[in-house]
Amino acid sequence: MSTGTLIAIIVAVVVVLLVCALVAWRVARRRHLKEQFGPEYERLVEEKQSRPAAEQELREREQRHDALEIKPLSATDREKYAQGWSQAQERFVDHPDDAVHEADRLVTALMSERGYPTKGYEQQVSDLSVEHGRTLQNYRTAHEVSDRSSRHQATTEELRGAMVHYRALFDELLHNGGRPRE
């Protein structure tokens, strides 16, 4: 076998190995994003109508999130917010609209306390998606009902559902991203 043929074979093998490594890296990166963002990954792919565009946005969200100073709550703060939630739930019986608005306010205050920026709903959703992608649709649904409630266009059953949806994100934020300890 000539030296030229040997070099051509080695170059071809190296190129194939590089292509395989690139494909493996992309598959691993996609798997990471799917695991990190949960249902938010597929929602964004559908919204963007492009997997690469959605993945780019999700990576940008991760970078922005990494720059935030998210901190855990102290036991005292956790208790304060838990009491606030209990009061909002009790208020629901007589004033469901007010209770939903209070739940929204509590979630926003809790986000702020943990270190999330709270200016602008879309940015809130974007920032939350990195650690709370599995409960993010709950937040979107609750927020939409709260908005309609402000215009007196939400039924009591929708308001009840909003409280349940807010509770899912509230619990995650309250317990520093983990599940509540029962």
N, C-alpha and C. Protein backbone atom coordinates (compact mmCIF):
# COMPACT_ATOMS: atom_id res chain seq x y z
N MET A 1 0.86 -1.17 0.00
CA MET A 1 0.00 0.00 0.00
C MET A 1 0.91 1.23 0.00
N SER A 2 0.55 2.17 -0.82
CA SER A 2 1.38 3.36 -0.94
C SER A 2 1.12 4.32 0.22
N THR A 3 2.06 5.20 0.42
CA THR A 3 1.94 6.20 1.48
C THR A 3 0.73 7.09 1.24
N GLY A 4 0.49 7.48 0.02
CA GLY A 4 -0.66 8.33 -0.32
C GLY A 4 -1.98 7.67 0.01
N THR A 5 -2.09 6.37 -0.28
CA THR A 5 -3.31 5.63 0.03
C THR A 5 -3.51 5.53 1.53
N LEU A 6 -2.44 5.26 2.24
CA LEU A 6 -2.50 5.15 3.70
C LEU A 6 -2.94 6.48 4.32
N ILE A 7 -2.39 7.57 3.83
CA ILE A 7 -2.76 8.90 4.33
C ILE A 7 -4.24 9.18 4.04
N ALA A 8 -4.70 8.82 2.86
CA ALA A 8 -6.11 9.03 2.49
C ALA A 8 -7.03 8.24 3.42
N ILE A 9 -6.65 7.01 3.73
CA ILE A 9 -7.47 6.17 4.64
C ILE A 9 -7.49 6.78 6.04
N ILE A 10 -6.34 7.22 6.52
CA ILE A 10 -6.26 7.82 7.86
C ILE A 10 -7.10 9.10 7.91
N VAL A 11 -6.99 9.93 6.88
CA VAL A 11 -7.78 11.16 6.84
C VAL A 11 -9.28 10.84 6.83
N ALA A 12 -9.67 9.84 6.03
CA ALA A 12 -11.08 9.44 5.96
C ALA A 12 -11.57 8.94 7.33
N VAL A 13 -10.76 8.16 8.01
CA VAL A 13 -11.13 7.65 9.33
C VAL A 13 -11.26 8.79 10.34
N VAL A 14 -10.32 9.73 10.29
CA VAL A 14 -10.36 10.88 11.20
C VAL A 14 -11.62 11.71 10.94
N VAL A 15 -11.95 11.93 9.67
CA VAL A 15 -13.15 12.70 9.32
C VAL A 15 -14.40 11.98 9.84
N VAL A 16 -14.48 10.68 9.63
CA VAL A 16 -15.63 9.91 10.12
C VAL A 16 -15.72 10.00 11.65
N LEU A 17 -14.61 9.89 12.33
CA LEU A 17 -14.60 9.99 13.79
C LEU A 17 -15.05 11.38 14.25
N LEU A 18 -14.60 12.41 13.55
CA LEU A 18 -15.02 13.77 13.90
C LEU A 18 -16.52 13.96 13.69
N VAL A 19 -17.03 13.44 12.60
CA VAL A 19 -18.48 13.53 12.32
C VAL A 19 -19.25 12.77 13.41
N CYS A 20 -18.79 11.60 13.77
CA CYS A 20 -19.45 10.82 14.84
C CYS A 20 -19.41 11.58 16.17
N ALA A 21 -18.28 12.18 16.48
CA ALA A 21 -18.17 12.95 17.73
C ALA A 21 -19.10 14.14 17.71
N LEU A 22 -19.20 14.82 16.57
CA LEU A 22 -20.11 15.96 16.44
C LEU A 22 -21.56 15.54 16.63
N VAL A 23 -21.95 14.45 16.00
CA VAL A 23 -23.32 13.94 16.13
C VAL A 23 -23.59 13.55 17.59
N ALA A 24 -22.66 12.87 18.22
CA ALA A 24 -22.83 12.46 19.62
C ALA A 24 -22.96 13.68 20.53
N TRP A 25 -22.16 14.70 20.28
CA TRP A 25 -22.21 15.93 21.07
C TRP A 25 -23.58 16.61 20.92
N ARG A 26 -24.09 16.69 19.68
CA ARG A 26 -25.39 17.32 19.44
C ARG A 26 -26.52 16.54 20.11
N VAL A 27 -26.44 15.20 20.03
CA VAL A 27 -27.46 14.36 20.68
C VAL A 27 -27.42 14.57 22.19
N ALA A 28 -26.24 14.63 22.76
CA ALA A 28 -26.11 14.83 24.22
C ALA A 28 -26.63 16.21 24.61
N ARG A 29 -26.32 17.21 23.81
CA ARG A 29 -26.80 18.57 24.10
C ARG A 29 -28.33 18.63 24.03
N ARG A 30 -28.92 18.00 23.01
CA ARG A 30 -30.38 17.96 22.88
C ARG A 30 -31.01 17.23 24.06
N ARG A 31 -30.42 16.11 24.46
CA ARG A 31 -30.94 15.34 25.59
C ARG A 31 -30.90 16.19 26.87
N HIS A 32 -29.79 16.91 27.04
CA HIS A 32 -29.67 17.79 28.21
C HIS A 32 -30.79 18.83 28.23
N LEU A 33 -31.02 19.48 27.09
CA LEU A 33 -32.06 20.51 27.03
C LEU A 33 -33.44 19.92 27.29
N LYS A 34 -33.71 18.74 26.74
CA LYS A 34 -35.01 18.10 26.96
C LYS A 34 -35.21 17.77 28.45
N GLU A 35 -34.16 17.27 29.08
CA GLU A 35 -34.25 16.94 30.50
C GLU A 35 -34.36 18.20 31.35
N GLN A 36 -33.59 19.21 31.01
CA GLN A 36 -33.58 20.45 31.79
C GLN A 36 -34.92 21.18 31.71
N PHE A 37 -35.48 21.28 30.52
CA PHE A 37 -36.65 22.13 30.31
C PHE A 37 -37.97 21.36 30.28
N GLY A 38 -37.92 20.05 30.22
CA GLY A 38 -39.14 19.25 30.24
C GLY A 38 -40.09 19.66 29.12
N PRO A 39 -41.37 19.81 29.44
CA PRO A 39 -42.37 20.15 28.41
C PRO A 39 -42.11 21.49 27.73
N GLU A 40 -41.37 22.36 28.37
CA GLU A 40 -41.06 23.66 27.78
C GLU A 40 -40.23 23.49 26.51
N TYR A 41 -39.42 22.45 26.44
CA TYR A 41 -38.61 22.19 25.25
C TYR A 41 -39.52 22.00 24.03
N GLU A 42 -40.46 21.08 24.13
CA GLU A 42 -41.36 20.80 23.00
C GLU A 42 -42.26 21.99 22.69
N ARG A 43 -42.72 22.69 23.71
CA ARG A 43 -43.57 23.86 23.48
C ARG A 43 -42.83 24.91 22.67
N LEU A 44 -41.57 25.12 23.01
CA LEU A 44 -40.79 26.14 22.31
C LEU A 44 -40.43 25.70 20.89
N VAL A 45 -40.15 24.41 20.70
CA VAL A 45 -39.88 23.90 19.35
C VAL A 45 -41.10 24.14 18.46
N GLU A 46 -42.27 23.86 19.01
CA GLU A 46 -43.50 24.08 18.25
C GLU A 46 -43.73 25.57 17.97
N GLU A 47 -43.49 26.40 18.98
CA GLU A 47 -43.68 27.84 18.81
C GLU A 47 -42.73 28.42 17.76
N LYS A 48 -41.48 28.01 17.83
CA LYS A 48 -40.45 28.54 16.92
C LYS A 48 -40.51 27.86 15.54
N GLN A 49 -41.15 26.70 15.49
CA GLN A 49 -41.21 25.89 14.27
C GLN A 49 -39.81 25.56 13.76
N SER A 50 -38.89 25.46 14.68
CA SER A 50 -37.51 25.15 14.34
C SER A 50 -36.80 24.63 15.59
N ARG A 51 -36.33 23.41 15.53
CA ARG A 51 -35.61 22.84 16.67
C ARG A 51 -34.32 23.61 16.95
N PRO A 52 -33.50 23.93 15.94
CA PRO A 52 -32.27 24.69 16.23
C PRO A 52 -32.55 26.06 16.85
N ALA A 53 -33.58 26.76 16.37
CA ALA A 53 -33.90 28.08 16.93
C ALA A 53 -34.36 27.94 18.38
N ALA A 54 -35.18 26.93 18.64
CA ALA A 54 -35.65 26.71 20.01
C ALA A 54 -34.49 26.35 20.92
N GLU A 55 -33.61 25.47 20.46
CA GLU A 55 -32.47 25.07 21.28
C GLU A 55 -31.54 26.24 21.55
N GLN A 56 -31.37 27.11 20.57
CA GLN A 56 -30.54 28.29 20.78
C GLN A 56 -31.15 29.18 21.87
N GLU A 57 -32.47 29.38 21.80
CA GLU A 57 -33.11 30.20 22.83
C GLU A 57 -32.99 29.57 24.20
N LEU A 58 -33.15 28.25 24.28
CA LEU A 58 -33.03 27.58 25.57
C LEU A 58 -31.62 27.70 26.14
N ARG A 59 -30.61 27.61 25.28
CA ARG A 59 -29.23 27.79 25.76
C ARG A 59 -29.02 29.22 26.25
N GLU A 60 -29.63 30.19 25.56
CA GLU A 60 -29.53 31.58 26.01
C GLU A 60 -30.23 31.76 27.36
N ARG A 61 -31.35 31.08 27.55
CA ARG A 61 -32.03 31.14 28.85
C ARG A 61 -31.14 30.57 29.94
N GLU A 62 -30.47 29.46 29.65
CA GLU A 62 -29.56 28.88 30.64
C GLU A 62 -28.45 29.86 31.00
N GLN A 63 -27.88 30.52 29.99
CA GLN A 63 -26.80 31.47 30.26
C GLN A 63 -27.29 32.63 31.12
N ARG A 64 -28.47 33.16 30.79
CA ARG A 64 -29.04 34.26 31.57
C ARG A 64 -29.29 33.79 33.01
N HIS A 65 -29.86 32.60 33.14
CA HIS A 65 -30.16 32.05 34.46
C HIS A 65 -28.90 31.85 35.28
N ASP A 66 -27.84 31.39 34.63
CA ASP A 66 -26.56 31.17 35.34
C ASP A 66 -26.01 32.47 35.92
N ALA A 67 -26.35 33.60 35.28
CA ALA A 67 -25.87 34.89 35.77
C ALA A 67 -26.70 35.42 36.94
N LEU A 68 -27.88 34.83 37.17
CA LEU A 68 -28.73 35.26 38.28
C LEU A 68 -28.18 34.71 39.59
N GLU A 69 -28.49 35.40 40.66
CA GLU A 69 -28.06 34.92 41.98
C GLU A 69 -29.28 34.34 42.71
N ILE A 70 -29.66 33.13 42.28
CA ILE A 70 -30.80 32.44 42.89
C ILE A 70 -30.34 31.88 44.23
N LYS A 71 -31.13 32.19 45.25
CA LYS A 71 -30.73 31.75 46.60
C LYS A 71 -31.88 31.00 47.26
N PRO A 72 -31.55 30.12 48.17
CA PRO A 72 -32.59 29.40 48.90
C PRO A 72 -33.24 30.31 49.94
N LEU A 73 -34.42 29.93 50.35
CA LEU A 73 -35.12 30.69 51.40
C LEU A 73 -34.68 30.20 52.77
N SER A 74 -34.71 31.10 53.70
CA SER A 74 -34.48 30.70 55.09
C SER A 74 -35.76 30.04 55.59
N ALA A 75 -35.65 29.31 56.67
CA ALA A 75 -36.82 28.66 57.26
C ALA A 75 -37.87 29.70 57.67
N THR A 76 -37.42 30.85 58.16
CA THR A 76 -38.34 31.91 58.57
C THR A 76 -39.11 32.45 57.38
N ASP A 77 -38.41 32.72 56.29
CA ASP A 77 -39.07 33.22 55.09
C ASP A 77 -40.02 32.18 54.51
N ARG A 78 -39.59 30.93 54.53
CA ARG A 78 -40.44 29.86 54.02
C ARG A 78 -41.75 29.80 54.81
N GLU A 79 -41.66 29.94 56.12
CA GLU A 79 -42.85 29.92 56.97
C GLU A 79 -43.75 31.12 56.68
N LYS A 80 -43.13 32.29 56.50
CA LYS A 80 -43.89 33.51 56.20
C LYS A 80 -44.70 33.34 54.91
N TYR A 81 -44.05 32.80 53.87
CA TYR A 81 -44.76 32.60 52.60
C TYR A 81 -45.82 31.51 52.71
N ALA A 82 -45.53 30.46 53.45
CA ALA A 82 -46.51 29.38 53.63
C ALA A 82 -47.76 29.92 54.33
N GLN A 83 -47.58 30.80 55.32
CA GLN A 83 -48.73 31.41 55.99
C GLN A 83 -49.51 32.30 55.04
N GLY A 84 -48.80 33.04 54.21
CA GLY A 84 -49.45 33.89 53.21
C GLY A 84 -50.28 33.07 52.25
N TRP A 85 -49.75 31.91 51.85
CA TRP A 85 -50.50 31.04 50.96
C TRP A 85 -51.76 30.51 51.64
N SER A 86 -51.62 30.10 52.88
CA SER A 86 -52.78 29.60 53.64
C SER A 86 -53.87 30.66 53.72
N GLN A 87 -53.49 31.89 53.95
CA GLN A 87 -54.46 32.99 54.02
C GLN A 87 -55.14 33.21 52.67
N ALA A 88 -54.38 33.11 51.58
CA ALA A 88 -54.97 33.27 50.25
C ALA A 88 -55.97 32.15 49.98
N GLN A 89 -55.64 30.93 50.38
CA GLN A 89 -56.56 29.81 50.18
C GLN A 89 -57.85 30.00 50.99
N GLU A 90 -57.70 30.48 52.21
CA GLU A 90 -58.89 30.72 53.05
C GLU A 90 -59.76 31.81 52.43
N ARG A 91 -59.17 32.80 51.84
CA ARG A 91 -59.88 33.90 51.22
C ARG A 91 -60.67 33.43 49.99
N PHE A 92 -60.25 32.34 49.39
CA PHE A 92 -60.87 31.86 48.16
C PHE A 92 -62.37 31.60 48.34
N VAL A 93 -62.77 31.09 49.48
CA VAL A 93 -64.18 30.73 49.71
C VAL A 93 -65.09 31.93 49.48
N ASP A 94 -64.75 33.07 50.04
CA ASP A 94 -65.62 34.25 49.94
C ASP A 94 -65.23 35.19 48.79
N HIS A 95 -63.96 35.19 48.42
CA HIS A 95 -63.47 36.13 47.40
C HIS A 95 -62.48 35.43 46.46
N PRO A 96 -62.99 34.57 45.59
CA PRO A 96 -62.07 33.80 44.74
C PRO A 96 -61.19 34.66 43.83
N ASP A 97 -61.76 35.75 43.29
CA ASP A 97 -60.93 36.63 42.43
C ASP A 97 -59.76 37.20 43.22
N ASP A 98 -60.05 37.70 44.42
CA ASP A 98 -59.00 38.29 45.25
C ASP A 98 -57.95 37.25 45.63
N ALA A 99 -58.40 36.03 45.90
CA ALA A 99 -57.47 34.97 46.29
C ALA A 99 -56.51 34.63 45.15
N VAL A 100 -57.03 34.59 43.93
CA VAL A 100 -56.16 34.29 42.78
C VAL A 100 -55.16 35.42 42.57
N HIS A 101 -55.60 36.65 42.71
CA HIS A 101 -54.67 37.77 42.56
C HIS A 101 -53.61 37.76 43.67
N GLU A 102 -54.03 37.37 44.86
CA GLU A 102 -53.07 37.24 45.96
C GLU A 102 -52.08 36.11 45.68
N ALA A 103 -52.56 35.00 45.11
CA ALA A 103 -51.66 33.89 44.76
C ALA A 103 -50.63 34.36 43.73
N ASP A 104 -51.07 35.12 42.76
CA ASP A 104 -50.16 35.66 41.75
C ASP A 104 -49.12 36.58 42.40
N ARG A 105 -49.59 37.43 43.30
CA ARG A 105 -48.69 38.33 44.01
C ARG A 105 -47.68 37.55 44.86
N LEU A 106 -48.14 36.51 45.52
CA LEU A 106 -47.25 35.70 46.36
C LEU A 106 -46.18 35.00 45.52
N VAL A 107 -46.58 34.46 44.38
CA VAL A 107 -45.61 33.79 43.51
C VAL A 107 -44.57 34.80 43.04
N THR A 108 -45.01 35.98 42.65
CA THR A 108 -44.08 37.01 42.18
C THR A 108 -43.15 37.46 43.31
N ALA A 109 -43.70 37.65 44.49
CA ALA A 109 -42.87 38.05 45.64
C ALA A 109 -41.86 36.96 45.99
N LEU A 110 -42.30 35.73 45.93
CA LEU A 110 -41.42 34.60 46.23
C LEU A 110 -40.30 34.50 45.19
N MET A 111 -40.64 34.73 43.93
CA MET A 111 -39.62 34.75 42.88
C MET A 111 -38.56 35.81 43.20
N SER A 112 -39.04 36.99 43.54
CA SER A 112 -38.13 38.09 43.85
C SER A 112 -37.25 37.75 45.04
N GLU A 113 -37.84 37.20 46.08
CA GLU A 113 -37.10 36.82 47.29
C GLU A 113 -36.00 35.80 46.97
N ARG A 114 -36.28 34.90 46.04
CA ARG A 114 -35.30 33.87 45.66
C ARG A 114 -34.21 34.43 44.74
N GLY A 115 -34.45 35.62 44.13
CA GLY A 115 -33.44 36.23 43.28
C GLY A 115 -33.79 36.29 41.80
N TYR A 116 -35.01 35.89 41.45
CA TYR A 116 -35.45 36.00 40.06
C TYR A 116 -35.89 37.42 39.77
N PRO A 117 -35.53 37.96 38.61
CA PRO A 117 -36.09 39.26 38.22
C PRO A 117 -37.60 39.11 38.01
N THR A 118 -38.35 40.13 38.35
CA THR A 118 -39.81 40.02 38.24
C THR A 118 -40.41 41.10 37.35
N LYS A 119 -39.61 41.75 36.59
CA LYS A 119 -40.13 42.76 35.66
C LYS A 119 -40.51 42.08 34.36
N GLY A 120 -41.78 42.12 34.02
CA GLY A 120 -42.24 41.57 32.75
C GLY A 120 -42.54 40.09 32.82
N TYR A 121 -43.77 39.75 32.53
CA TYR A 121 -44.24 38.37 32.60
C TYR A 121 -43.42 37.45 31.69
N GLU A 122 -43.18 37.84 30.46
CA GLU A 122 -42.44 36.97 29.52
C GLU A 122 -41.04 36.67 30.03
N GLN A 123 -40.38 37.66 30.63
CA GLN A 123 -39.05 37.42 31.16
C GLN A 123 -39.13 36.51 32.38
N GLN A 124 -40.16 36.67 33.20
CA GLN A 124 -40.35 35.77 34.34
C GLN A 124 -40.45 34.33 33.86
N VAL A 125 -41.28 34.11 32.85
CA VAL A 125 -41.48 32.76 32.32
C VAL A 125 -40.16 32.21 31.78
N SER A 126 -39.45 33.04 31.05
CA SER A 126 -38.16 32.63 30.49
C SER A 126 -37.18 32.23 31.59
N ASP A 127 -37.08 33.05 32.62
CA ASP A 127 -36.15 32.76 33.72
C ASP A 127 -36.57 31.53 34.51
N LEU A 128 -37.86 31.39 34.74
CA LEU A 128 -38.35 30.23 35.50
C LEU A 128 -38.17 28.92 34.74
N SER A 129 -38.19 28.99 33.41
CA SER A 129 -38.17 27.77 32.61
C SER A 129 -36.93 26.92 32.84
N VAL A 130 -35.85 27.51 33.25
CA VAL A 130 -34.60 26.77 33.41
C VAL A 130 -34.70 25.75 34.55
N GLU A 131 -35.25 26.15 35.67
CA GLU A 131 -35.35 25.24 36.82
C GLU A 131 -36.76 24.70 37.04
N HIS A 132 -37.74 25.34 36.43
CA HIS A 132 -39.13 24.97 36.72
C HIS A 132 -39.93 24.68 35.45
N GLY A 133 -39.28 24.11 34.46
CA GLY A 133 -39.92 23.83 33.18
C GLY A 133 -41.10 22.89 33.29
N ARG A 134 -41.10 22.03 34.28
CA ARG A 134 -42.19 21.05 34.41
C ARG A 134 -43.46 21.67 34.99
N THR A 135 -43.35 22.77 35.69
CA THR A 135 -44.55 23.42 36.24
C THR A 135 -44.85 24.75 35.56
N LEU A 136 -44.11 25.06 34.53
CA LEU A 136 -44.26 26.35 33.87
C LEU A 136 -45.62 26.51 33.19
N GLN A 137 -46.12 25.43 32.58
CA GLN A 137 -47.44 25.54 31.94
C GLN A 137 -48.51 25.82 32.99
N ASN A 138 -48.35 25.29 34.18
CA ASN A 138 -49.28 25.61 35.27
C ASN A 138 -49.30 27.12 35.52
N TYR A 139 -48.10 27.70 35.56
CA TYR A 139 -47.99 29.14 35.80
C TYR A 139 -48.62 29.93 34.67
N ARG A 140 -48.37 29.52 33.44
CA ARG A 140 -48.97 30.22 32.30
C ARG A 140 -50.50 30.18 32.39
N THR A 141 -51.04 29.01 32.67
CA THR A 141 -52.49 28.85 32.76
C THR A 141 -53.06 29.70 33.88
N ALA A 142 -52.44 29.65 35.04
CA ALA A 142 -52.92 30.43 36.18
C ALA A 142 -52.86 31.92 35.88
N HIS A 143 -51.78 32.36 35.27
CA HIS A 143 -51.61 33.79 34.96
C HIS A 143 -52.69 34.25 33.97
N GLU A 144 -53.00 33.42 33.00
CA GLU A 144 -54.03 33.76 32.01
C GLU A 144 -55.39 33.89 32.69
N VAL A 145 -55.71 32.98 33.59
CA VAL A 145 -56.97 33.05 34.33
C VAL A 145 -56.99 34.29 35.21
N SER A 146 -55.88 34.60 35.85
CA SER A 146 -55.80 35.80 36.68
C SER A 146 -56.06 37.06 35.85
N ASP A 147 -55.48 37.11 34.67
CA ASP A 147 -55.73 38.25 33.78
C ASP A 147 -57.22 38.36 33.41
N ARG A 148 -57.82 37.23 33.07
CA ARG A 148 -59.25 37.26 32.73
C ARG A 148 -60.10 37.60 33.94
N SER A 149 -59.64 37.19 35.10
CA SER A 149 -60.35 37.50 36.33
C SER A 149 -60.38 39.01 36.57
N SER A 150 -59.31 39.69 36.20
CA SER A 150 -59.25 41.15 36.36
C SER A 150 -60.34 41.83 35.53
N ARG A 151 -60.75 41.16 34.46
CA ARG A 151 -61.82 41.70 33.61
C ARG A 151 -63.16 41.03 33.91
N HIS A 152 -63.22 40.27 35.03
CA HIS A 152 -64.43 39.56 35.46
C HIS A 152 -64.91 38.59 34.39
N GLN A 153 -63.97 37.86 33.77
CA GLN A 153 -64.30 36.91 32.71
C GLN A 153 -63.91 35.48 33.06
N ALA A 154 -63.62 35.20 34.32
CA ALA A 154 -63.22 33.85 34.73
C ALA A 154 -64.29 33.26 35.62
N THR A 155 -64.57 31.98 35.40
CA THR A 155 -65.55 31.28 36.24
C THR A 155 -64.89 30.88 37.56
N THR A 156 -65.72 30.54 38.53
CA THR A 156 -65.20 30.09 39.83
C THR A 156 -64.37 28.83 39.66
N GLU A 157 -64.79 27.95 38.77
CA GLU A 157 -64.04 26.71 38.54
C GLU A 157 -62.67 27.02 37.92
N GLU A 158 -62.61 27.98 37.01
CA GLU A 158 -61.33 28.38 36.44
C GLU A 158 -60.44 29.01 37.51
N LEU A 159 -61.04 29.79 38.39
CA LEU A 159 -60.27 30.40 39.47
C LEU A 159 -59.73 29.34 40.42
N ARG A 160 -60.54 28.33 40.69
CA ARG A 160 -60.08 27.23 41.55
C ARG A 160 -58.89 26.53 40.88
N GLY A 161 -59.01 26.28 39.59
CA GLY A 161 -57.90 25.66 38.85
C GLY A 161 -56.65 26.53 38.88
N ALA A 162 -56.84 27.84 38.78
CA ALA A 162 -55.70 28.76 38.83
C ALA A 162 -54.97 28.65 40.17
N MET A 163 -55.74 28.54 41.24
CA MET A 163 -55.10 28.39 42.56
C MET A 163 -54.26 27.11 42.60
N VAL A 164 -54.79 26.03 42.06
CA VAL A 164 -54.05 24.76 42.02
C VAL A 164 -52.78 24.92 41.19
N HIS A 165 -52.91 25.59 40.05
CA HIS A 165 -51.75 25.78 39.17
C HIS A 165 -50.70 26.68 39.82
N TYR A 166 -51.13 27.77 40.44
CA TYR A 166 -50.17 28.63 41.13
C TYR A 166 -49.46 27.84 42.23
N ARG A 167 -50.21 26.98 42.90
CA ARG A 167 -49.66 26.22 44.02
C ARG A 167 -48.49 25.34 43.59
N ALA A 168 -48.58 24.77 42.38
CA ALA A 168 -47.51 23.89 41.90
C ALA A 168 -46.18 24.65 41.83
N LEU A 169 -46.20 25.83 41.22
CA LEU A 169 -44.96 26.61 41.13
C LEU A 169 -44.58 27.18 42.49
N PHE A 170 -45.56 27.64 43.24
CA PHE A 170 -45.31 28.19 44.57
C PHE A 170 -44.55 27.17 45.43
N ASP A 171 -45.01 25.92 45.43
CA ASP A 171 -44.35 24.89 46.24
C ASP A 171 -42.91 24.67 45.81
N GLU A 172 -42.67 24.65 44.50
CA GLU A 172 -41.29 24.48 44.04
C GLU A 172 -40.40 25.64 44.47
N LEU A 173 -40.91 26.85 44.31
CA LEU A 173 -40.13 28.03 44.71
C LEU A 173 -39.93 28.05 46.23
N LEU A 174 -40.97 27.71 46.95
CA LEU A 174 -40.91 27.73 48.41
C LEU A 174 -39.88 26.76 48.95
N HIS A 175 -39.78 25.62 48.31
CA HIS A 175 -38.88 24.58 48.81
C HIS A 175 -37.59 24.51 47.98
N ASN A 176 -37.19 25.69 47.48
CA ASN A 176 -35.89 25.83 46.81
C ASN A 176 -35.72 24.89 45.62
N GLY A 177 -36.81 24.66 44.90
CA GLY A 177 -36.75 23.82 43.71
C GLY A 177 -37.03 22.36 43.98
N GLY A 178 -37.00 21.96 45.24
CA GLY A 178 -37.30 20.58 45.59
C GLY A 178 -38.76 20.40 45.92
N ARG A 179 -39.11 19.23 46.25
CA ARG A 179 -40.48 18.92 46.65
C ARG A 179 -40.67 19.25 48.13
N PRO A 180 -41.88 19.68 48.49
CA PRO A 180 -42.12 19.96 49.90
C PRO A 180 -41.96 18.71 50.75
N ARG A 181 -41.51 18.91 51.92
CA ARG A 181 -41.36 17.77 52.85
C ARG A 181 -42.64 17.68 53.66
N GLU A 182 -43.31 16.57 53.51
CA GLU A 182 -44.61 16.37 54.21
C GLU A 182 -44.37 15.77 55.57
